[in-house]
Amino acid sequence: MGLLIEDDNDDGEVLIPPANFSMVEDGVYRSGFPQLENFGFLSTLNLKSIIYLCPEPYPEENLKSLQSNKLFQFGIQGKTMLETIQFSSTVSKESIGQVVLWDA
């Protein structure tokens, strides 16, 4: 069962973070792929950019929920469980770091 957070607004909306959501450092977060019910929660974070690491196209219905966030896609081939992520030749750890640190 995921974490539920009640919104401070008077509308009583329940905010649901994406699976495996956590803060990496102040203003930088990570999570599993967000579902539509997670975008209410994500909108409270005032995100500037989203980095999508899957090679599949970002779903159209999720694009509509991004609002003014910039989406950066680095399609990487990954392995599950304890195996490490294999970066494609077009993506490096340094380029991902530059995107994360870039003030969008």
PDB file of N, CA and C in Angstrom:
ATOM      1  N   MET A   1       0.832  -1.174   0.000  1.00  0.00           N
ATOM      2  CA  MET A   1       0.000   0.000   0.000  1.00  0.00           C
ATOM      3  C   MET A   1       0.876   1.235   0.000  1.00  0.00           C
ATOM      4  N   GLY A   2       0.539   2.237  -0.837  1.00  0.00           N
ATOM      5  CA  GLY A   2       1.331   3.446  -0.945  1.00  0.00           C
ATOM      6  C   GLY A   2       1.012   4.445   0.143  1.00  0.00           C
ATOM      7  N   LEU A   3       1.855   5.426   0.235  1.00  0.00           N
ATOM      8  CA  LEU A   3       1.713   6.514   1.180  1.00  0.00           C
ATOM      9  C   LEU A   3       0.615   7.453   0.703  1.00  0.00           C
ATOM     10  N   LEU A   4      -0.304   7.831   1.576  1.00  0.00           N
ATOM     11  CA  LEU A   4      -1.352   8.786   1.245  1.00  0.00           C
ATOM     12  C   LEU A   4      -1.124  10.043   2.065  1.00  0.00           C
ATOM     13  N   ILE A   5      -1.239  11.187   1.419  1.00  0.00           N
ATOM     14  CA  ILE A   5      -1.037  12.465   2.090  1.00  0.00           C
ATOM     15  C   ILE A   5      -2.259  13.318   1.841  1.00  0.00           C
ATOM     16  N   GLU A   6      -2.844  13.854   2.910  1.00  0.00           N
ATOM     17  CA  GLU A   6      -3.984  14.746   2.732  1.00  0.00           C
ATOM     18  C   GLU A   6      -3.488  16.131   2.376  1.00  0.00           C
ATOM     19  N   ASP A   7      -4.113  16.731   1.376  1.00  0.00           N
ATOM     20  CA  ASP A   7      -3.768  18.072   0.940  1.00  0.00           C
ATOM     21  C   ASP A   7      -4.174  19.069   2.010  1.00  0.00           C
ATOM     22  N   ASP A   8      -3.386  20.122   2.176  1.00  0.00           N
ATOM     23  CA  ASP A   8      -3.706  21.161   3.153  1.00  0.00           C
ATOM     24  C   ASP A   8      -4.867  22.048   2.703  1.00  0.00           C
ATOM     25  N   ASN A   9      -5.245  21.967   1.447  1.00  0.00           N
ATOM     26  CA  ASN A   9      -6.359  22.773   0.954  1.00  0.00           C
ATOM     27  C   ASN A   9      -7.662  22.271   1.558  1.00  0.00           C
ATOM     28  N   ASP A  10      -8.686  23.089   1.485  1.00  0.00           N
ATOM     29  CA  ASP A  10      -9.981  22.739   2.050  1.00  0.00           C
ATOM     30  C   ASP A  10     -10.747  21.714   1.217  1.00  0.00           C
ATOM     31  N   ASP A  11     -10.231  21.362   0.028  1.00  0.00           N
ATOM     32  CA  ASP A  11     -10.982  20.444  -0.829  1.00  0.00           C
ATOM     33  C   ASP A  11     -10.879  18.985  -0.377  1.00  0.00           C
ATOM     34  N   GLY A  12     -10.020  18.679   0.586  1.00  0.00           N
ATOM     35  CA  GLY A  12      -9.917  17.330   1.127  1.00  0.00           C
ATOM     36  C   GLY A  12      -9.306  16.320   0.181  1.00  0.00           C
ATOM     37  N   GLU A  13      -8.636  16.778  -0.877  1.00  0.00           N
ATOM     38  CA  GLU A  13      -8.027  15.886  -1.852  1.00  0.00           C
ATOM     39  C   GLU A  13      -6.938  15.040  -1.188  1.00  0.00           C
ATOM     40  N   VAL A  14      -6.918  13.764  -1.499  1.00  0.00           N
ATOM     41  CA  VAL A  14      -5.865  12.871  -1.003  1.00  0.00           C
ATOM     42  C   VAL A  14      -4.797  12.794  -2.086  1.00  0.00           C
ATOM     43  N   LEU A  15      -3.562  13.076  -1.704  1.00  0.00           N
ATOM     44  CA  LEU A  15      -2.447  13.076  -2.642  1.00  0.00           C
ATOM     45  C   LEU A  15      -1.685  11.765  -2.516  1.00  0.00           C
ATOM     46  N   ILE A  16      -1.402  11.158  -3.657  1.00  0.00           N
ATOM     47  CA  ILE A  16      -0.760   9.849  -3.680  1.00  0.00           C
ATOM     48  C   ILE A  16       0.570   9.962  -4.428  1.00  0.00           C
ATOM     49  N   PRO A  17       1.686   9.797  -3.718  1.00  0.00           N
ATOM     50  CA  PRO A  17       2.979   9.836  -4.419  1.00  0.00           C
ATOM     51  C   PRO A  17       3.175   8.583  -5.267  1.00  0.00           C
ATOM     52  N   PRO A  18       4.030   8.665  -6.290  1.00  0.00           N
ATOM     53  CA  PRO A  18       4.324   7.483  -7.098  1.00  0.00           C
ATOM     54  C   PRO A  18       5.021   6.403  -6.264  1.00  0.00           C
ATOM     55  N   ALA A  19       5.007   5.196  -6.767  1.00  0.00           N
ATOM     56  CA  ALA A  19       5.710   4.084  -6.112  1.00  0.00           C
ATOM     57  C   ALA A  19       7.186   4.422  -5.976  1.00  0.00           C
ATOM     58  N   ASN A  20       7.780   3.994  -4.874  1.00  0.00           N
ATOM     59  CA  ASN A  20       9.204   4.177  -4.610  1.00  0.00           C
ATOM     60  C   ASN A  20       9.641   5.636  -4.596  1.00  0.00           C
ATOM     61  N   PHE A  21       8.745   6.530  -4.249  1.00  0.00           N
ATOM     62  CA  PHE A  21       9.069   7.957  -4.206  1.00  0.00           C
ATOM     63  C   PHE A  21       9.977   8.255  -3.016  1.00  0.00           C
ATOM     64  N   SER A  22      11.006   9.055  -3.256  1.00  0.00           N
ATOM     65  CA  SER A  22      11.847   9.539  -2.165  1.00  0.00           C
ATOM     66  C   SER A  22      12.607  10.778  -2.624  1.00  0.00           C
ATOM     67  N   MET A  23      13.096  11.544  -1.654  1.00  0.00           N
ATOM     68  CA  MET A  23      13.897  12.724  -1.954  1.00  0.00           C
ATOM     69  C   MET A  23      15.356  12.301  -2.011  1.00  0.00           C
ATOM     70  N   VAL A  24      16.048  12.685  -3.080  1.00  0.00           N
ATOM     71  CA  VAL A  24      17.469  12.403  -3.238  1.00  0.00           C
ATOM     72  C   VAL A  24      18.264  13.447  -2.475  1.00  0.00           C
ATOM     73  N   GLU A  25      17.915  14.695  -2.696  1.00  0.00           N
ATOM     74  CA  GLU A  25      18.431  15.828  -1.935  1.00  0.00           C
ATOM     75  C   GLU A  25      17.428  16.956  -2.121  1.00  0.00           C
ATOM     76  N   ASP A  26      17.604  18.042  -1.422  1.00  0.00           N
ATOM     77  CA  ASP A  26      16.624  19.117  -1.451  1.00  0.00           C
ATOM     78  C   ASP A  26      16.290  19.521  -2.891  1.00  0.00           C
ATOM     79  N   GLY A  27      15.048  19.338  -3.296  1.00  0.00           N
ATOM     80  CA  GLY A  27      14.590  19.711  -4.621  1.00  0.00           C
ATOM     81  C   GLY A  27      14.802  18.671  -5.703  1.00  0.00           C
ATOM     82  N   VAL A  28      15.400  17.525  -5.383  1.00  0.00           N
ATOM     83  CA  VAL A  28      15.628  16.451  -6.351  1.00  0.00           C
ATOM     84  C   VAL A  28      14.966  15.188  -5.804  1.00  0.00           C
ATOM     85  N   TYR A  29      14.089  14.582  -6.615  1.00  0.00           N
ATOM     86  CA  TYR A  29      13.307  13.428  -6.184  1.00  0.00           C
ATOM     87  C   TYR A  29      13.468  12.295  -7.181  1.00  0.00           C
ATOM     88  N   ARG A  30      13.149  11.086  -6.750  1.00  0.00           N
ATOM     89  CA  ARG A  30      13.145   9.917  -7.621  1.00  0.00           C
ATOM     90  C   ARG A  30      11.897   9.103  -7.316  1.00  0.00           C
ATOM     91  N   SER A  31      11.461   8.342  -8.301  1.00  0.00           N
ATOM     92  CA  SER A  31      10.302   7.474  -8.070  1.00  0.00           C
ATOM     93  C   SER A  31      10.181   6.489  -9.212  1.00  0.00           C
ATOM     94  N   GLY A  32       9.267   5.556  -9.022  1.00  0.00           N
ATOM     95  CA  GLY A  32       8.854   4.701 -10.115  1.00  0.00           C
ATOM     96  C   GLY A  32       8.010   5.531 -11.078  1.00  0.00           C
ATOM     97  N   PHE A  33       7.597   4.908 -12.160  1.00  0.00           N
ATOM     98  CA  PHE A  33       6.819   5.630 -13.166  1.00  0.00           C
ATOM     99  C   PHE A  33       5.501   6.121 -12.573  1.00  0.00           C
ATOM    100  N   PRO A  34       5.218   7.429 -12.666  1.00  0.00           N
ATOM    101  CA  PRO A  34       3.979   7.953 -12.079  1.00  0.00           C
ATOM    102  C   PRO A  34       2.740   7.565 -12.883  1.00  0.00           C
ATOM    103  N   GLN A  35       1.681   7.277 -12.153  1.00  0.00           N
ATOM    104  CA  GLN A  35       0.369   7.022 -12.744  1.00  0.00           C
ATOM    105  C   GLN A  35      -0.418   8.333 -12.693  1.00  0.00           C
ATOM    106  N   LEU A  36      -1.531   8.395 -13.405  1.00  0.00           N
ATOM    107  CA  LEU A  36      -2.310   9.631 -13.444  1.00  0.00           C
ATOM    108  C   LEU A  36      -2.725  10.111 -12.059  1.00  0.00           C
ATOM    109  N   GLU A  37      -3.012   9.182 -11.132  1.00  0.00           N
ATOM    110  CA  GLU A  37      -3.436   9.588  -9.788  1.00  0.00           C
ATOM    111  C   GLU A  37      -2.303  10.198  -8.970  1.00  0.00           C
ATOM    112  N   ASN A  38      -1.067  10.138  -9.467  1.00  0.00           N
ATOM    113  CA  ASN A  38       0.078  10.705  -8.751  1.00  0.00           C
ATOM    114  C   ASN A  38       0.358  12.161  -9.102  1.00  0.00           C
ATOM    115  N   PHE A  39      -0.230  12.671 -10.167  1.00  0.00           N
ATOM    116  CA  PHE A  39       0.123  14.010 -10.626  1.00  0.00           C
ATOM    117  C   PHE A  39      -0.358  15.116  -9.689  1.00  0.00           C
ATOM    118  N   GLY A  40      -1.404  14.883  -8.901  1.00  0.00           N
ATOM    119  CA  GLY A  40      -1.812  15.857  -7.886  1.00  0.00           C
ATOM    120  C   GLY A  40      -0.708  16.049  -6.869  1.00  0.00           C
ATOM    121  N   PHE A  41      -0.125  14.952  -6.411  1.00  0.00           N
ATOM    122  CA  PHE A  41       0.996  15.014  -5.471  1.00  0.00           C
ATOM    123  C   PHE A  41       2.203  15.678  -6.121  1.00  0.00           C
ATOM    124  N   LEU A  42       2.552  15.243  -7.334  1.00  0.00           N
ATOM    125  CA  LEU A  42       3.733  15.784  -8.005  1.00  0.00           C
ATOM    126  C   LEU A  42       3.623  17.281  -8.242  1.00  0.00           C
ATOM    127  N   SER A  43       2.413  17.772  -8.471  1.00  0.00           N
ATOM    128  CA  SER A  43       2.240  19.212  -8.710  1.00  0.00           C
ATOM    129  C   SER A  43       2.576  20.047  -7.478  1.00  0.00           C
ATOM    130  N   THR A  44       2.548  19.451  -6.287  1.00  0.00           N
ATOM    131  CA  THR A  44       2.876  20.188  -5.066  1.00  0.00           C
ATOM    132  C   THR A  44       4.375  20.383  -4.892  1.00  0.00           C
ATOM    133  N   LEU A  45       5.192  19.688  -5.696  1.00  0.00           N
ATOM    134  CA  LEU A  45       6.647  19.754  -5.551  1.00  0.00           C
ATOM    135  C   LEU A  45       7.279  20.892  -6.339  1.00  0.00           C
ATOM    136  N   ASN A  46       6.496  21.565  -7.184  1.00  0.00           N
ATOM    137  CA  ASN A  46       7.009  22.662  -8.021  1.00  0.00           C
ATOM    138  C   ASN A  46       8.208  22.215  -8.852  1.00  0.00           C
ATOM    139  N   LEU A  47       8.062  21.073  -9.521  1.00  0.00           N
ATOM    140  CA  LEU A  47       9.134  20.524 -10.343  1.00  0.00           C
ATOM    141  C   LEU A  47       9.374  21.393 -11.563  1.00  0.00           C
ATOM    142  N   LYS A  48      10.644  21.512 -11.954  1.00  0.00           N
ATOM    143  CA  LYS A  48      11.000  22.239 -13.168  1.00  0.00           C
ATOM    144  C   LYS A  48      11.215  21.280 -14.331  1.00  0.00           C
ATOM    145  N   SER A  49      11.744  20.101 -14.029  1.00  0.00           N
ATOM    146  CA  SER A  49      12.085  19.133 -15.062  1.00  0.00           C
ATOM    147  C   SER A  49      11.786  17.723 -14.579  1.00  0.00           C
ATOM    148  N   ILE A  50      11.528  16.851 -15.553  1.00  0.00           N
ATOM    149  CA  ILE A  50      11.335  15.435 -15.282  1.00  0.00           C
ATOM    150  C   ILE A  50      12.270  14.680 -16.211  1.00  0.00           C
ATOM    151  N   ILE A  51      13.026  13.736 -15.655  1.00  0.00           N
ATOM    152  CA  ILE A  51      13.906  12.895 -16.451  1.00  0.00           C
ATOM    153  C   ILE A  51      13.273  11.511 -16.528  1.00  0.00           C
ATOM    154  N   TYR A  52      13.020  11.074 -17.744  1.00  0.00           N
ATOM    155  CA  TYR A  52      12.370   9.789 -18.030  1.00  0.00           C
ATOM    156  C   TYR A  52      13.421   8.865 -18.620  1.00  0.00           C
ATOM    157  N   LEU A  53      13.694   7.741 -17.974  1.00  0.00           N
ATOM    158  CA  LEU A  53      14.792   6.870 -18.380  1.00  0.00           C
ATOM    159  C   LEU A  53      14.381   5.660 -19.198  1.00  0.00           C
ATOM    160  N   CYS A  54      13.116   5.530 -19.541  1.00  0.00           N
ATOM    161  CA  CYS A  54      12.648   4.373 -20.309  1.00  0.00           C
ATOM    162  C   CYS A  54      12.777   4.639 -21.807  1.00  0.00           C
ATOM    163  N   PRO A  55      13.055   3.596 -22.596  1.00  0.00           N
ATOM    164  CA  PRO A  55      13.159   3.793 -24.046  1.00  0.00           C
ATOM    165  C   PRO A  55      11.803   3.953 -24.738  1.00  0.00           C
ATOM    166  N   GLU A  56      10.716   3.511 -24.099  1.00  0.00           N
ATOM    167  CA  GLU A  56       9.384   3.629 -24.707  1.00  0.00           C
ATOM    168  C   GLU A  56       8.929   5.094 -24.689  1.00  0.00           C
ATOM    169  N   PRO A  57       8.106   5.494 -25.664  1.00  0.00           N
ATOM    170  CA  PRO A  57       7.592   6.864 -25.674  1.00  0.00           C
ATOM    171  C   PRO A  57       6.804   7.167 -24.392  1.00  0.00           C
ATOM    172  N   TYR A  58       6.915   8.402 -23.927  1.00  0.00           N
ATOM    173  CA  TYR A  58       6.181   8.827 -22.738  1.00  0.00           C
ATOM    174  C   TYR A  58       4.693   8.842 -23.090  1.00  0.00           C
ATOM    175  N   PRO A  59       3.839   8.245 -22.271  1.00  0.00           N
ATOM    176  CA  PRO A  59       2.410   8.154 -22.598  1.00  0.00           C
ATOM    177  C   PRO A  59       1.752   9.519 -22.798  1.00  0.00           C
ATOM    178  N   GLU A  60       0.958   9.618 -23.833  1.00  0.00           N
ATOM    179  CA  GLU A  60       0.291  10.874 -24.191  1.00  0.00           C
ATOM    180  C   GLU A  60      -0.568  11.417 -23.045  1.00  0.00           C
ATOM    181  N   GLU A  61      -1.304  10.534 -22.339  1.00  0.00           N
ATOM    182  CA  GLU A  61      -2.163  11.011 -21.246  1.00  0.00           C
ATOM    183  C   GLU A  61      -1.338  11.600 -20.104  1.00  0.00           C
ATOM    184  N   ASN A  62      -0.111  11.104 -19.899  1.00  0.00           N
ATOM    185  CA  ASN A  62       0.754  11.679 -18.875  1.00  0.00           C
ATOM    186  C   ASN A  62       1.338  13.012 -19.324  1.00  0.00           C
ATOM    187  N   LEU A  63       1.610  13.153 -20.619  1.00  0.00           N
ATOM    188  CA  LEU A  63       2.124  14.417 -21.135  1.00  0.00           C
ATOM    189  C   LEU A  63       1.169  15.568 -20.822  1.00  0.00           C
ATOM    190  N   LYS A  64      -0.126  15.295 -20.907  1.00  0.00           N
ATOM    191  CA  LYS A  64      -1.130  16.324 -20.633  1.00  0.00           C
ATOM    192  C   LYS A  64      -1.088  16.768 -19.176  1.00  0.00           C
ATOM    193  N   SER A  65      -0.632  15.900 -18.280  1.00  0.00           N
ATOM    194  CA  SER A  65      -0.594  16.207 -16.853  1.00  0.00           C
ATOM    195  C   SER A  65       0.708  16.865 -16.410  1.00  0.00           C
ATOM    196  N   LEU A  66       1.671  16.995 -17.308  1.00  0.00           N
ATOM    197  CA  LEU A  66       2.966  17.555 -16.922  1.00  0.00           C
ATOM    198  C   LEU A  66       2.920  19.055 -16.650  1.00  0.00           C
ATOM    199  N   GLN A  67       1.917  19.735 -17.127  1.00  0.00           N
ATOM    200  CA  GLN A  67       1.777  21.181 -16.988  1.00  0.00           C
ATOM    201  C   GLN A  67       2.967  21.856 -17.638  1.00  0.00           C
ATOM    202  N   SER A  68       3.716  22.665 -16.907  1.00  0.00           N
ATOM    203  CA  SER A  68       4.819  23.413 -17.516  1.00  0.00           C
ATOM    204  C   SER A  68       6.169  22.747 -17.293  1.00  0.00           C
ATOM    205  N   ASN A  69       6.190  21.519 -16.811  1.00  0.00           N
ATOM    206  CA  ASN A  69       7.454  20.819 -16.584  1.00  0.00           C
ATOM    207  C   ASN A  69       8.106  20.456 -17.908  1.00  0.00           C
ATOM    208  N   LYS A  70       9.423  20.489 -17.934  1.00  0.00           N
ATOM    209  CA  LYS A  70      10.160  20.042 -19.111  1.00  0.00           C
ATOM    210  C   LYS A  70      10.456  18.562 -18.951  1.00  0.00           C
ATOM    211  N   LEU A  71      10.242  17.800 -20.019  1.00  0.00           N
ATOM    212  CA  LEU A  71      10.484  16.366 -20.009  1.00  0.00           C
ATOM    213  C   LEU A  71      11.744  16.076 -20.805  1.00  0.00           C
ATOM    214  N   PHE A  72      12.691  15.382 -20.178  1.00  0.00           N
ATOM    215  CA  PHE A  72      13.906  14.933 -20.834  1.00  0.00           C
ATOM    216  C   PHE A  72      13.881  13.414 -20.828  1.00  0.00           C
ATOM    217  N   GLN A  73      14.030  12.827 -22.023  1.00  0.00           N
ATOM    218  CA  GLN A  73      14.007  11.368 -22.104  1.00  0.00           C
ATOM    219  C   GLN A  73      15.388  10.858 -22.483  1.00  0.00           C
ATOM    220  N   PHE A  74      15.894   9.943 -21.659  1.00  0.00           N
ATOM    221  CA  PHE A  74      17.139   9.240 -21.906  1.00  0.00           C
ATOM    222  C   PHE A  74      16.798   7.760 -21.881  1.00  0.00           C
ATOM    223  N   GLY A  75      16.428   7.225 -23.024  1.00  0.00           N
ATOM    224  CA  GLY A  75      16.027   5.823 -23.081  1.00  0.00           C
ATOM    225  C   GLY A  75      17.218   4.915 -22.844  1.00  0.00           C
ATOM    226  N   ILE A  76      17.224   4.257 -21.718  1.00  0.00           N
ATOM    227  CA  ILE A  76      18.322   3.356 -21.401  1.00  0.00           C
ATOM    228  C   ILE A  76      17.786   1.944 -21.275  1.00  0.00           C
ATOM    229  N   GLN A  77      18.609   1.004 -21.573  1.00  0.00           N
ATOM    230  CA  GLN A  77      18.244  -0.402 -21.400  1.00  0.00           C
ATOM    231  C   GLN A  77      18.587  -0.767 -19.970  1.00  0.00           C
ATOM    232  N   GLY A  78      17.630  -1.304 -19.245  1.00  0.00           N
ATOM    233  CA  GLY A  78      17.865  -1.630 -17.853  1.00  0.00           C
ATOM    234  C   GLY A  78      17.666  -3.097 -17.573  1.00  0.00           C
ATOM    235  N   LYS A  79      18.159  -3.501 -16.453  1.00  0.00           N
ATOM    236  CA  LYS A  79      17.985  -4.862 -15.966  1.00  0.00           C
ATOM    237  C   LYS A  79      17.224  -4.777 -14.651  1.00  0.00           C
ATOM    238  N   THR A  80      16.532  -5.827 -14.312  1.00  0.00           N
ATOM    239  CA  THR A  80      15.783  -5.826 -13.061  1.00  0.00           C
ATOM    240  C   THR A  80      16.605  -6.460 -11.946  1.00  0.00           C
ATOM    241  N   MET A  81      16.092  -6.363 -10.756  1.00  0.00           N
ATOM    242  CA  MET A  81      16.693  -6.928  -9.557  1.00  0.00           C
ATOM    243  C   MET A  81      18.024  -6.255  -9.251  1.00  0.00           C
ATOM    244  N   LEU A  82      19.061  -7.001  -8.979  1.00  0.00           N
ATOM    245  CA  LEU A  82      20.314  -6.432  -8.521  1.00  0.00           C
ATOM    246  C   LEU A  82      21.295  -6.111  -9.642  1.00  0.00           C
ATOM    247  N   GLU A  83      20.896  -6.365 -10.876  1.00  0.00           N
ATOM    248  CA  GLU A  83      21.783  -6.067 -11.992  1.00  0.00           C
ATOM    249  C   GLU A  83      21.823  -4.560 -12.219  1.00  0.00           C
ATOM    250  N   THR A  84      22.932  -4.047 -12.694  1.00  0.00           N
ATOM    251  CA  THR A  84      23.079  -2.609 -12.883  1.00  0.00           C
ATOM    252  C   THR A  84      22.468  -2.166 -14.196  1.00  0.00           C
ATOM    253  N   ILE A  85      22.118  -0.899 -14.256  1.00  0.00           N
ATOM    254  CA  ILE A  85      21.565  -0.308 -15.476  1.00  0.00           C
ATOM    255  C   ILE A  85      22.695  -0.146 -16.483  1.00  0.00           C
ATOM    256  N   GLN A  86      22.438  -0.571 -17.693  1.00  0.00           N
ATOM    257  CA  GLN A  86      23.403  -0.420 -18.770  1.00  0.00           C
ATOM    258  C   GLN A  86      23.042   0.822 -19.576  1.00  0.00           C
ATOM    259  N   PHE A  87      23.872   1.854 -19.506  1.00  0.00           N
ATOM    260  CA  PHE A  87      23.599   3.079 -20.238  1.00  0.00           C
ATOM    261  C   PHE A  87      23.889   2.874 -21.717  1.00  0.00           C
ATOM    262  N   SER A  88      23.021   3.445 -22.570  1.00  0.00           N
ATOM    263  CA  SER A  88      23.269   3.369 -24.004  1.00  0.00           C
ATOM    264  C   SER A  88      24.447   4.270 -24.354  1.00  0.00           C
ATOM    265  N   SER A  89      24.972   4.135 -25.544  1.00  0.00           N
ATOM    266  CA  SER A  89      26.149   4.908 -25.934  1.00  0.00           C
ATOM    267  C   SER A  89      25.855   6.395 -26.028  1.00  0.00           C
ATOM    268  N   THR A  90      24.591   6.793 -26.130  1.00  0.00           N
ATOM    269  CA  THR A  90      24.254   8.207 -26.258  1.00  0.00           C
ATOM    270  C   THR A  90      24.014   8.879 -24.918  1.00  0.00           C
ATOM    271  N   VAL A  91      24.039   8.129 -23.834  1.00  0.00           N
ATOM    272  CA  VAL A  91      23.762   8.688 -22.517  1.00  0.00           C
ATOM    273  C   VAL A  91      24.925   8.360 -21.592  1.00  0.00           C
ATOM    274  N   SER A  92      25.388   9.349 -20.878  1.00  0.00           N
ATOM    275  CA  SER A  92      26.430   9.104 -19.887  1.00  0.00           C
ATOM    276  C   SER A  92      25.969   9.611 -18.536  1.00  0.00           C
ATOM    277  N   LYS A  93      26.604   9.161 -17.498  1.00  0.00           N
ATOM    278  CA  LYS A  93      26.275   9.655 -16.160  1.00  0.00           C
ATOM    279  C   LYS A  93      26.483  11.156 -16.094  1.00  0.00           C
ATOM    280  N   GLU A  94      27.498  11.670 -16.763  1.00  0.00           N
ATOM    281  CA  GLU A  94      27.783  13.094 -16.738  1.00  0.00           C
ATOM    282  C   GLU A  94      26.661  13.905 -17.386  1.00  0.00           C
ATOM    283  N   SER A  95      26.117  13.416 -18.522  1.00  0.00           N
ATOM    284  CA  SER A  95      25.053  14.171 -19.192  1.00  0.00           C
ATOM    285  C   SER A  95      23.783  14.185 -18.365  1.00  0.00           C
ATOM    286  N   ILE A  96      23.484  13.089 -17.658  1.00  0.00           N
ATOM    287  CA  ILE A  96      22.318  13.083 -16.787  1.00  0.00           C
ATOM    288  C   ILE A  96      22.534  14.057 -15.648  1.00  0.00           C
ATOM    289  N   GLY A  97      23.722  14.091 -15.080  1.00  0.00           N
ATOM    290  CA  GLY A  97      24.036  15.038 -14.014  1.00  0.00           C
ATOM    291  C   GLY A  97      23.880  16.476 -14.476  1.00  0.00           C
ATOM    292  N   GLN A  98      24.277  16.770 -15.712  1.00  0.00           N
ATOM    293  CA  GLN A  98      24.137  18.119 -16.231  1.00  0.00           C
ATOM    294  C   GLN A  98      22.676  18.503 -16.365  1.00  0.00           C
ATOM    295  N   VAL A  99      21.824  17.598 -16.786  1.00  0.00           N
ATOM    296  CA  VAL A  99      20.402  17.886 -16.910  1.00  0.00           C
ATOM    297  C   VAL A  99      19.789  18.119 -15.542  1.00  0.00           C
ATOM    298  N   VAL A 100      20.155  17.294 -14.565  1.00  0.00           N
ATOM    299  CA  VAL A 100      19.613  17.445 -13.226  1.00  0.00           C
ATOM    300  C   VAL A 100      20.013  18.787 -12.631  1.00  0.00           C
ATOM    301  N   LEU A 101      21.259  19.215 -12.863  1.00  0.00           N
ATOM    302  CA  LEU A 101      21.751  20.450 -12.280  1.00  0.00           C
ATOM    303  C   LEU A 101      21.377  21.686 -13.099  1.00  0.00           C
ATOM    304  N   TRP A 102      20.924  21.469 -14.326  1.00  0.00           N
ATOM    305  CA  TRP A 102      20.588  22.585 -15.198  1.00  0.00           C
ATOM    306  C   TRP A 102      19.347  23.277 -14.668  1.00  0.00           C
ATOM    307  N   ASP A 103      19.390  24.597 -14.536  1.00  0.00           N
ATOM    308  CA  ASP A 103      18.270  25.367 -14.041  1.00  0.00           C
ATOM    309  C   ASP A 103      17.310  25.624 -15.187  1.00  0.00           C
ATOM    310  N   ALA A 104      16.319  24.775 -15.331  1.00  0.00           N
ATOM    311  CA  ALA A 104      15.387  24.831 -16.472  1.00  0.00           C
ATOM    312  C   ALA A 104      14.433  25.967 -16.332  1.00  0.00           C
TER     313      ALA A 104
END
